[in-house]
Amino acid sequence: MDMSLQKRVGPRPLAVLVTALACAVCCMVLADVSTAAVPKGLNCVASDGKINGRGSTFQKKLQAGLAELYRDDFCGNTPKVPEDPAGNTMVAYNYAAAEGASGTGSGQGVKAASCRTDAFSGTDIPYSTTQLKELDEAPGKTGGCGITFTPPFQPNEPKEWPYTASGKKDTTANVMSVPVAGSSVTVDVNLTAANCGGTAPTELNFTAREVSRLFGGEVKKWNDSELEGTDPVLKNCNTNVTRVVRFDESGTSTIFKSYLIRADNERSGAACAPGKKWEAYFAKNNEWPGKQSPGAEGECSAITTAGVSGGPALITKLKETEGGVGYADLADAIGKGVLLANVQNSTATSFQPPNTGSGANCDYKTLTLPGATASDAVGLNGEGDTWANNQETNHGNATDVGSKYPICGLTWDLVYTGLSSSAGENPISRLTADQRRTEYSYFTFLLSSTAQEALTSINYAALPSAWLPKLKTGFQSNF
């Protein structure tokens, strides 16, 4: 079944509740599989069927919006008393306990998958080749386990491995990496009238080299002659530049640095960290020129972090920093009181904004799925052609391509294979049958035309429509 068949006629907000479809459509979704033995019965059982995920802050607004749409199209309200972190939906993503313990961000998403603490996890990296191998092995191989918080719903973290109890046993398994959406990473500026001769800029255009110089620590003041050449309005902005960067291991940083590598890897003539290419800052993506050893890498602009994971924290810090320049995904930056710059596209033909209306202004037509089969499409290629190769291939690296905004990326969810097994042994045996039904039907929904078409209303961009049948088949047949 293509879920576009049940899309209602005409536009409607995400929060419209349509409970009449719940029973019929749930049954149809669960019937839409021929090779995965999903437990029988309806999904959306609030008592023990809710699930949680954590990781990428890039997709927090996405998960919240699509969980509501999934609720409206399939479940109706599913509250619990007292109210739980999923509210009246079936999915809690980057819930308060994880955020309060810095358990979010793409790096934490990879760790969450490895440690089996949540039903799924989000990442924009999505992983290195080494990490992919580790994810397929015993928990903790990506850097140890041990969380200081309790997820709202099972699985939580087992006290021992392999976990065995009441006829259940956790097993090792390969992990699927399922792309679910894309969006842009904005270049954000905090310049006030007080720092610009009484008139704050209302629009800024940056070339690739200017973005590289700003974040490479080369630009000390905003009235820098090169910046002024592109944006004469900066002539009166005689204030210091302060770079505001992510504190955590961030997928947003990975996307942004992928752009810097493609756009200006050599950093020719750099006075801050001279001789170091952008690719030297890719493996550890919270490192930046002039950040690790202040004063020891030449003349660099100031640099600071929010000290807390996530794009919202970076935007908050940026708004407190006069003359600051930072980066964040569109959903975190738009409408937050900072100036979103236009950036020159890869063909050098125009300066493009990061958004068109409420959607991301991204071009994914040059990207390809890994491998040839549906299983390959969700990262299960045994020959090594996976999403991990995004720096060497055009699978996941959407930066500096096409004629639209050049700083764009994809975001993935990590889901273990074999969760459909009801024999008591699977990668996360602590998930209930109702939770596994929820996870299966929710991800089937995320990969539907209905969900993808809704993304532009919540600051994201849809995956190429031609990908959806193969991704859905790959997910369903390996779940």
Protein backbone atom coordinates (compact mmCIF):
# COMPACT_ATOMS: atom_id res chain seq x y z
CA MET A 1 0.00 0.00 0.00
CA ASP A 2 1.31 3.49 -0.87
CA MET A 3 0.25 5.76 1.95
CA SER A 4 -0.36 8.53 -0.55
CA LEU A 5 -3.67 6.71 -1.20
CA GLN A 6 -4.94 7.76 2.22
CA LYS A 7 -3.79 11.37 2.04
CA ARG A 8 -6.72 13.71 2.49
CA VAL A 9 -7.73 16.12 -0.25
CA GLY A 10 -6.55 19.69 0.20
CA PRO A 11 -4.08 21.26 2.61
CA ARG A 12 -4.45 20.76 6.34
CA PRO A 13 -2.33 21.49 9.43
CA LEU A 14 -0.35 18.72 11.09
CA ALA A 15 -2.43 18.92 14.22
CA VAL A 16 -5.81 18.04 12.62
CA LEU A 17 -7.15 14.94 14.35
CA VAL A 18 -8.70 12.30 12.13
CA THR A 19 -9.52 9.30 14.26
CA ALA A 20 -11.92 7.67 11.83
CA LEU A 21 -9.01 6.32 9.78
CA ALA A 22 -7.19 4.81 12.74
CA CYS A 23 -8.38 1.19 12.77
CA ALA A 24 -8.69 0.66 9.04
CA VAL A 25 -5.43 2.30 8.07
CA CYS A 26 -3.43 0.67 10.87
CA CYS A 27 -4.49 -2.74 9.64
CA MET A 28 -3.61 -1.81 6.05
CA VAL A 29 -0.15 -0.58 7.08
CA LEU A 30 0.62 -3.79 8.93
CA ALA A 31 -0.63 -5.81 5.99
CA ASP A 32 1.83 -3.99 3.72
CA VAL A 33 4.64 -6.52 4.07
CA SER A 34 5.44 -9.86 2.57
CA THR A 35 8.80 -10.77 4.07
CA ALA A 36 8.89 -9.37 7.62
CA ALA A 37 7.03 -11.35 10.27
CA VAL A 38 5.65 -8.38 12.19
CA PRO A 39 3.55 -9.34 15.24
CA LYS A 40 -0.14 -9.46 14.35
CA GLY A 41 -2.71 -7.00 15.64
CA LEU A 42 -3.16 -3.25 15.78
CA ASN A 43 -0.41 -0.80 16.58
CA CYS A 44 -0.92 2.39 18.64
CA VAL A 45 -1.41 0.63 21.98
CA ALA A 46 -0.69 3.40 24.44
CA SER A 47 -0.34 1.14 27.48
CA ASP A 48 2.83 -0.64 26.36
CA GLY A 49 3.39 0.30 22.72
CA LYS A 50 4.99 3.74 22.92
CA ILE A 51 8.62 4.07 21.83
CA ASN A 52 11.47 6.51 22.34
CA GLY A 53 14.47 7.56 20.27
CA ARG A 54 17.28 10.05 20.76
CA GLY A 55 20.28 11.51 18.99
CA SER A 56 20.39 14.06 16.18
CA THR A 57 19.01 17.43 17.24
CA PHE A 58 18.72 18.16 13.50
CA GLN A 59 15.60 15.98 13.39
CA LYS A 60 13.89 16.87 16.67
CA LYS A 61 11.28 19.10 15.04
CA LEU A 62 10.87 16.52 12.27
CA GLN A 63 10.13 13.71 14.72
CA ALA A 64 7.73 15.87 16.73
CA GLY A 65 5.83 16.97 13.63
CA LEU A 66 5.62 13.55 12.00
CA ALA A 67 4.73 11.83 15.26
CA GLU A 68 1.71 14.16 15.40
CA LEU A 69 0.81 13.44 11.78
CA TYR A 70 1.18 9.70 12.44
CA ARG A 71 -1.11 10.16 15.44
CA ASP A 72 -3.69 12.05 13.40
CA ASP A 73 -3.68 9.64 10.46
CA PHE A 74 -3.40 6.35 12.34
CA CYS A 75 -3.92 6.41 16.08
CA GLY A 76 -5.97 9.25 17.41
CA ASN A 77 -4.91 10.63 20.79
CA THR A 78 -2.88 8.13 22.79
CA PRO A 79 -2.38 9.77 26.20
CA LYS A 80 -1.37 8.08 29.41
CA VAL A 81 -2.14 9.22 32.94
CA PRO A 82 -0.04 10.82 34.24
CA GLU A 83 1.12 12.30 30.93
CA ASP A 84 4.33 10.79 29.58
CA PRO A 85 7.08 12.39 27.41
CA ALA A 86 5.34 11.25 24.21
CA GLY A 87 2.27 13.30 25.14
CA ASN A 88 -0.70 12.10 23.11
CA THR A 89 1.50 10.56 20.38
CA MET A 90 3.26 7.20 20.21
CA VAL A 91 6.82 8.53 19.88
CA ALA A 92 9.06 10.46 22.29
CA TYR A 93 12.23 11.77 20.62
CA ASN A 94 15.02 13.65 22.42
CA TYR A 95 12.93 13.53 25.57
CA ALA A 96 13.73 15.80 28.51
CA ALA A 97 15.72 13.24 30.51
CA ALA A 98 18.16 12.70 27.63
CA GLU A 99 18.48 16.40 26.88
CA GLY A 100 19.16 17.21 30.53
CA ALA A 101 21.99 14.66 30.63
CA SER A 102 23.55 15.76 27.29
CA GLY A 103 22.40 12.47 25.80
CA THR A 104 21.44 14.00 22.47
CA GLY A 105 23.31 14.92 19.29
CA SER A 106 24.39 12.62 16.47
CA GLY A 107 27.35 11.21 18.38
CA GLN A 108 25.03 10.22 21.20
CA GLY A 109 22.64 8.79 18.63
CA VAL A 110 25.32 6.36 17.43
CA LYS A 111 26.07 5.44 21.03
CA ALA A 112 22.36 4.98 21.82
CA ALA A 113 22.07 2.52 18.95
CA SER A 114 25.14 0.58 20.03
CA CYS A 115 23.94 0.39 23.64
CA ARG A 116 20.33 -0.49 22.73
CA THR A 117 18.92 2.13 25.11
CA ASP A 118 16.13 3.25 22.74
CA ALA A 119 13.97 1.71 20.06
CA PHE A 120 15.79 3.78 17.41
CA SER A 121 18.27 6.63 17.24
CA GLY A 122 18.95 9.60 14.97
CA THR A 123 22.18 10.72 13.37
CA ASP A 124 23.30 13.09 10.61
CA ILE A 125 26.85 11.69 10.42
CA PRO A 126 25.60 8.84 10.08
CA TYR A 127 28.72 6.89 11.14
CA SER A 128 32.24 6.03 10.08
CA THR A 129 33.05 2.67 8.48
CA THR A 130 34.64 1.62 11.78
CA GLN A 131 31.56 2.65 13.75
CA LEU A 132 29.29 0.70 11.40
CA LYS A 133 31.27 -2.48 12.12
CA GLU A 134 31.07 -1.73 15.85
CA LEU A 135 27.31 -1.15 15.70
CA ASP A 136 26.89 -4.65 14.30
CA GLU A 137 28.74 -6.16 17.25
CA ALA A 138 28.11 -6.31 21.00
CA PRO A 139 26.79 -3.20 22.78
CA GLY A 140 29.28 -0.53 23.77
CA LYS A 141 31.82 -1.10 20.99
CA THR A 142 31.39 2.51 19.80
CA GLY A 143 32.71 3.90 23.09
CA GLY A 144 31.16 2.21 26.08
CA CYS A 145 27.71 2.43 27.62
CA GLY A 146 26.31 3.70 30.88
CA ILE A 147 23.57 6.33 30.91
CA THR A 148 22.67 8.54 33.87
CA PHE A 149 19.00 8.87 32.96
CA THR A 150 16.05 6.56 32.43
CA PRO A 151 14.30 6.59 29.04
CA PRO A 152 10.51 6.95 29.35
CA PHE A 153 9.79 3.59 27.72
CA GLN A 154 11.67 0.35 27.28
CA PRO A 155 14.20 -0.83 26.26
CA ASN A 156 16.40 1.27 28.65
CA GLU A 157 19.91 -0.10 29.13
CA PRO A 158 20.41 -3.74 30.13
CA LYS A 159 22.44 -4.29 33.28
CA GLU A 160 24.33 -7.09 31.61
CA TRP A 161 25.16 -8.41 28.17
CA PRO A 162 23.89 -10.57 26.74
CA TYR A 163 20.61 -9.73 28.42
CA THR A 164 18.51 -12.78 29.20
CA ALA A 165 15.29 -12.94 31.20
CA SER A 166 11.98 -14.80 31.05
CA GLY A 167 12.81 -16.58 27.83
CA LYS A 168 14.15 -13.43 26.17
CA LYS A 169 17.65 -12.88 24.85
CA ASP A 170 19.33 -9.94 23.13
CA THR A 171 21.36 -10.84 20.06
CA THR A 172 23.86 -9.07 17.86
CA ALA A 173 22.55 -7.93 14.47
CA ASN A 174 23.27 -5.62 11.59
CA VAL A 175 21.93 -2.10 11.90
CA MET A 176 19.89 -0.38 9.20
CA SER A 177 20.60 3.26 8.40
CA VAL A 178 17.37 4.73 7.04
CA PRO A 179 17.44 8.26 5.57
CA VAL A 180 14.25 10.02 6.61
CA ALA A 181 14.61 13.65 5.45
CA GLY A 182 16.97 16.46 4.59
CA SER A 183 17.43 20.09 5.48
CA SER A 184 19.80 23.03 5.27
CA VAL A 185 22.42 24.22 7.73
CA THR A 186 22.11 27.97 8.08
CA VAL A 187 24.89 30.53 8.57
CA ASP A 188 23.59 32.75 11.35
CA VAL A 189 24.74 36.27 12.27
CA ASN A 190 24.11 38.53 15.28
CA LEU A 191 24.84 42.12 14.26
CA THR A 192 22.89 44.94 15.89
CA ALA A 193 22.42 48.57 14.92
CA ALA A 194 24.62 49.59 17.85
CA ASN A 195 27.55 47.77 16.25
CA CYS A 196 26.91 48.89 12.69
CA GLY A 197 26.68 52.66 12.78
CA GLY A 198 23.02 52.71 13.71
CA THR A 199 21.73 50.35 10.99
CA ALA A 200 21.78 46.60 11.39
CA PRO A 201 22.09 44.51 8.21
CA THR A 202 18.84 42.91 7.09
CA GLU A 203 20.45 40.72 4.42
CA LEU A 204 23.94 39.29 3.94
CA ASN A 205 25.49 37.36 1.05
CA PHE A 206 28.55 35.16 1.58
CA THR A 207 30.77 33.45 -0.97
CA ALA A 208 32.21 30.03 -0.18
CA ARG A 209 35.59 31.57 0.57
CA GLU A 210 33.99 34.09 2.92
CA VAL A 211 32.20 31.34 4.86
CA SER A 212 35.52 29.49 5.09
CA ARG A 213 37.38 32.58 6.28
CA LEU A 214 34.71 33.39 8.87
CA PHE A 215 34.71 29.96 10.46
CA GLY A 216 38.42 29.39 9.90
CA GLY A 217 39.18 32.31 12.22
CA GLU A 218 40.55 34.57 9.47
CA VAL A 219 38.04 37.42 9.74
CA LYS A 220 38.68 39.50 12.86
CA LYS A 221 36.16 42.30 12.27
CA TRP A 222 32.92 42.47 10.36
CA ASN A 223 34.10 45.40 8.20
CA ASP A 224 36.76 43.10 6.71
CA SER A 225 37.55 44.36 3.21
CA GLU A 226 36.60 41.10 1.46
CA LEU A 227 33.25 40.84 3.27
CA GLU A 228 32.58 44.51 2.58
CA GLY A 229 33.24 43.93 -1.12
CA THR A 230 30.31 41.51 -1.24
CA ASP A 231 28.18 43.30 1.35
CA PRO A 232 28.84 47.08 1.43
CA VAL A 233 26.40 47.32 4.36
CA LEU A 234 29.20 45.90 6.56
CA LYS A 235 31.35 49.00 6.06
CA ASN A 236 30.15 50.52 9.34
CA CYS A 237 30.20 47.26 11.35
CA ASN A 238 33.48 47.87 13.17
CA THR A 239 32.97 45.08 15.71
CA ASN A 240 34.83 41.88 16.43
CA VAL A 241 33.80 38.54 14.95
CA THR A 242 33.17 35.72 17.43
CA ARG A 243 32.61 32.21 16.13
CA VAL A 244 29.92 30.23 17.95
CA VAL A 245 30.31 26.47 17.32
CA ARG A 246 28.76 23.26 18.59
CA PHE A 247 29.95 21.79 21.88
CA ASP A 248 29.06 18.18 21.13
CA GLU A 249 29.82 15.61 18.45
CA SER A 250 27.31 17.04 16.04
CA GLY A 251 25.90 15.86 12.75
CA THR A 252 25.16 19.49 11.93
CA SER A 253 28.90 20.17 12.27
CA THR A 254 29.61 17.19 10.02
CA ILE A 255 27.35 18.59 7.30
CA PHE A 256 28.86 22.04 7.68
CA LYS A 257 32.44 20.79 7.52
CA SER A 258 31.59 18.60 4.53
CA TYR A 259 30.66 21.85 2.81
CA LEU A 260 33.87 23.58 3.91
CA ILE A 261 35.97 20.67 2.62
CA ARG A 262 34.30 20.79 -0.79
CA ALA A 263 34.22 24.57 -1.01
CA ASP A 264 37.65 25.62 0.34
CA ASN A 265 39.57 22.64 1.71
CA GLU A 266 43.03 24.15 1.18
CA ARG A 267 42.39 27.31 3.22
CA SER A 268 45.03 29.03 1.10
CA GLY A 269 46.85 31.87 2.84
CA ALA A 270 45.28 31.18 6.23
CA ALA A 271 46.89 33.02 9.15
CA CYS A 272 44.84 31.06 11.72
CA ALA A 273 46.13 27.46 11.86
CA PRO A 274 48.16 27.99 8.67
CA GLY A 275 48.76 24.92 6.54
CA LYS A 276 45.88 22.92 8.05
CA LYS A 277 43.16 21.90 5.63
CA TRP A 278 39.50 21.69 6.58
CA GLU A 279 39.64 17.91 6.25
CA ALA A 280 41.95 17.89 9.29
CA TYR A 281 38.98 19.04 11.36
CA PHE A 282 36.50 16.46 10.07
CA ALA A 283 37.17 13.32 12.14
CA LYS A 284 36.74 15.22 15.42
CA ASN A 285 34.01 17.56 14.44
CA ASN A 286 34.07 19.71 17.59
CA GLU A 287 37.60 20.89 16.72
CA TRP A 288 38.13 24.18 14.85
CA PRO A 289 41.08 26.37 13.82
CA GLY A 290 42.28 28.24 16.89
CA LYS A 291 39.94 26.45 19.30
CA GLN A 292 42.05 23.66 20.80
CA SER A 293 45.14 25.74 21.57
CA PRO A 294 44.12 29.40 21.84
CA GLY A 295 46.95 31.72 20.87
CA ALA A 296 49.16 28.90 19.60
CA GLU A 297 47.83 28.69 16.03
CA GLY A 298 48.43 32.21 14.82
CA GLU A 299 46.02 35.11 14.56
CA CYS A 300 42.48 33.82 15.00
CA SER A 301 39.12 35.36 15.77
CA ALA A 302 37.48 34.52 19.08
CA ILE A 303 35.58 31.24 19.35
CA THR A 304 33.08 29.98 21.91
CA THR A 305 30.52 27.21 22.47
CA ALA A 306 27.21 26.94 24.25
CA GLY A 307 28.53 24.21 26.52
CA VAL A 308 25.32 22.23 25.96
CA SER A 309 24.45 19.94 23.06
CA GLY A 310 22.05 20.93 20.32
CA GLY A 311 21.25 23.65 17.81
CA PRO A 312 18.84 25.53 20.10
CA ALA A 313 21.60 26.01 22.67
CA LEU A 314 23.92 27.33 19.96
CA ILE A 315 21.30 29.84 18.78
CA THR A 316 20.75 30.99 22.37
CA LYS A 317 24.49 31.51 22.80
CA LEU A 318 24.70 33.34 19.47
CA LYS A 319 21.97 35.76 20.51
CA GLU A 320 24.03 36.57 23.61
CA THR A 321 27.16 37.18 21.52
CA GLU A 322 27.46 40.60 19.83
CA GLY A 323 29.18 40.15 16.49
CA GLY A 324 28.68 36.40 16.61
CA VAL A 325 28.47 34.04 13.66
CA GLY A 326 27.22 30.48 14.06
CA TYR A 327 25.51 27.65 12.23
CA ALA A 328 22.39 25.59 12.93
CA ASP A 329 19.86 23.55 11.07
CA LEU A 330 16.99 25.50 9.56
CA ALA A 331 14.37 24.26 12.04
CA ASP A 332 16.42 25.57 14.98
CA ALA A 333 17.40 28.90 13.41
CA ILE A 334 14.43 30.20 11.46
CA GLY A 335 12.36 32.79 13.27
CA LYS A 336 14.72 32.91 16.25
CA GLY A 337 15.89 36.52 15.92
CA VAL A 338 19.18 35.98 14.11
CA LEU A 339 20.01 36.86 10.52
CA LEU A 340 20.15 33.87 8.17
CA ALA A 341 22.70 34.62 5.46
CA ASN A 342 22.42 33.77 1.78
CA VAL A 343 25.32 31.65 0.50
CA GLN A 344 26.65 31.46 -3.07
CA ASN A 345 25.61 28.24 -4.79
CA SER A 346 28.03 25.65 -6.17
CA THR A 347 27.74 27.03 -9.71
CA ALA A 348 28.61 30.57 -8.49
CA THR A 349 25.55 31.91 -10.31
CA SER A 350 23.56 33.30 -7.37
CA PHE A 351 23.34 33.74 -3.63
CA GLN A 352 20.71 31.38 -2.28
CA PRO A 353 18.72 31.54 0.97
CA PRO A 354 18.60 28.40 3.16
CA ASN A 355 14.82 28.22 2.88
CA THR A 356 12.02 28.68 0.39
CA GLY A 357 9.02 29.60 2.50
CA SER A 358 8.98 27.19 5.42
CA GLY A 359 10.86 24.42 3.59
CA ALA A 360 14.58 23.85 3.09
CA ASN A 361 16.08 25.10 -0.20
CA CYS A 362 18.06 21.94 -0.98
CA ASP A 363 18.93 20.03 -4.15
CA TYR A 364 19.13 16.24 -3.80
CA LYS A 365 18.86 15.21 -7.44
CA THR A 366 22.58 14.37 -7.71
CA LEU A 367 22.52 11.99 -4.71
CA THR A 368 22.33 8.23 -5.12
CA LEU A 369 21.36 5.31 -2.92
CA PRO A 370 24.20 2.94 -1.98
CA GLY A 371 24.41 -0.42 -3.75
CA ALA A 372 21.72 -1.82 -6.01
CA THR A 373 19.23 -3.67 -3.84
CA ALA A 374 16.59 -2.55 -1.35
CA SER A 375 18.74 -3.91 1.49
CA ASP A 376 21.71 -1.92 0.18
CA ALA A 377 19.55 1.21 0.28
CA VAL A 378 19.24 0.92 4.07
CA GLY A 379 22.97 0.41 4.55
CA LEU A 380 23.20 -3.38 4.54
CA ASN A 381 25.62 -3.82 1.61
CA GLY A 382 28.15 -6.48 2.56
CA GLU A 383 30.70 -5.13 0.08
CA GLY A 384 31.13 -1.82 1.88
CA ASP A 385 29.02 0.47 -0.31
CA THR A 386 27.06 2.02 2.54
CA TRP A 387 25.99 5.43 3.83
CA ALA A 388 29.27 5.58 5.76
CA ASN A 389 31.07 6.58 2.56
CA ASN A 390 29.50 10.03 2.37
CA GLN A 391 32.83 11.82 1.99
CA GLU A 392 33.90 9.63 -0.94
CA THR A 393 30.58 9.27 -2.77
CA ASN A 394 27.43 11.21 -3.52
CA HIS A 395 25.26 9.02 -1.32
CA GLY A 396 24.85 11.27 1.69
CA ASN A 397 26.97 14.35 1.00
CA ALA A 398 24.51 16.96 -0.27
CA THR A 399 26.86 19.91 0.17
CA ASP A 400 28.08 22.23 -2.57
CA VAL A 401 26.02 20.65 -5.34
CA GLY A 402 23.38 22.02 -7.68
CA SER A 403 22.05 25.54 -8.09
CA LYS A 404 20.25 25.86 -4.74
CA TYR A 405 21.54 26.54 -1.24
CA PRO A 406 24.89 24.72 -0.94
CA ILE A 407 24.95 23.67 2.75
CA CYS A 408 22.45 20.83 2.96
CA GLY A 409 22.45 17.34 4.40
CA LEU A 410 20.42 14.23 5.11
CA THR A 411 19.45 12.78 8.46
CA TRP A 412 19.14 9.07 9.22
CA ASP A 413 17.58 6.80 11.81
CA LEU A 414 19.38 3.68 13.00
CA VAL A 415 17.14 0.63 13.47
CA TYR A 416 18.35 -2.90 14.10
CA THR A 417 17.45 -5.74 11.75
CA GLY A 418 15.56 -8.74 13.10
CA LEU A 419 13.23 -6.87 15.45
CA SER A 420 10.24 -8.65 13.91
CA SER A 421 11.28 -11.91 15.56
CA SER A 422 8.76 -12.99 18.17
CA ALA A 423 10.76 -16.04 19.27
CA GLY A 424 12.16 -14.22 22.29
CA GLU A 425 15.53 -13.57 20.69
CA ASN A 426 16.22 -10.35 18.76
CA PRO A 427 18.59 -7.38 19.01
CA ILE A 428 16.38 -5.60 21.58
CA SER A 429 14.29 -8.34 23.16
CA ARG A 430 13.06 -5.92 25.85
CA LEU A 431 10.78 -4.23 23.30
CA THR A 432 7.19 -5.42 23.66
CA ALA A 433 5.26 -6.80 20.72
CA ASP A 434 3.20 -3.59 20.70
CA GLN A 435 6.36 -1.47 20.60
CA ARG A 436 7.69 -3.45 17.66
CA ARG A 437 4.39 -2.97 15.83
CA THR A 438 4.60 0.77 16.51
CA GLU A 439 8.17 1.00 15.26
CA TYR A 440 7.41 -0.95 12.09
CA SER A 441 4.33 1.06 11.17
CA TYR A 442 5.84 4.41 12.18
CA PHE A 443 8.86 3.95 9.93
CA THR A 444 6.69 2.68 7.12
CA PHE A 445 4.82 5.96 7.54
CA LEU A 446 8.01 8.08 7.58
CA LEU A 447 8.93 6.62 4.20
CA SER A 448 5.52 7.32 2.68
CA SER A 449 4.64 10.12 0.28
CA THR A 450 2.20 11.49 2.88
CA ALA A 451 4.92 12.07 5.46
CA GLN A 452 7.52 13.26 2.95
CA GLU A 453 5.16 15.83 1.45
CA ALA A 454 4.54 17.27 4.91
CA LEU A 455 8.22 17.99 5.52
CA THR A 456 8.30 21.34 3.72
CA SER A 457 5.82 22.76 6.23
CA ILE A 458 8.19 22.09 9.14
CA ASN A 459 11.52 23.39 7.75
CA TYR A 460 12.79 20.23 6.03
CA ALA A 461 13.08 18.87 2.50
CA ALA A 462 11.71 15.59 1.20
CA LEU A 463 13.85 12.70 0.05
CA PRO A 464 13.86 12.05 -3.71
CA SER A 465 10.51 10.40 -4.41
CA ALA A 466 12.17 7.67 -6.47
CA TRP A 467 13.98 6.48 -3.35
CA LEU A 468 10.89 5.78 -1.28
CA PRO A 469 9.77 2.38 -2.68
CA LYS A 470 13.26 0.89 -2.33
CA LEU A 471 13.83 2.34 1.14
CA LYS A 472 10.45 1.09 2.35
CA THR A 473 11.07 -2.38 0.95
CA GLY A 474 14.56 -2.46 2.46
CA PHE A 475 13.26 -1.44 5.87
CA GLN A 476 10.25 -3.77 5.91
CA SER A 477 12.06 -6.85 4.62
CA ASN A 478 14.87 -6.52 7.17
CA PHE A 479 12.85 -5.45 10.20
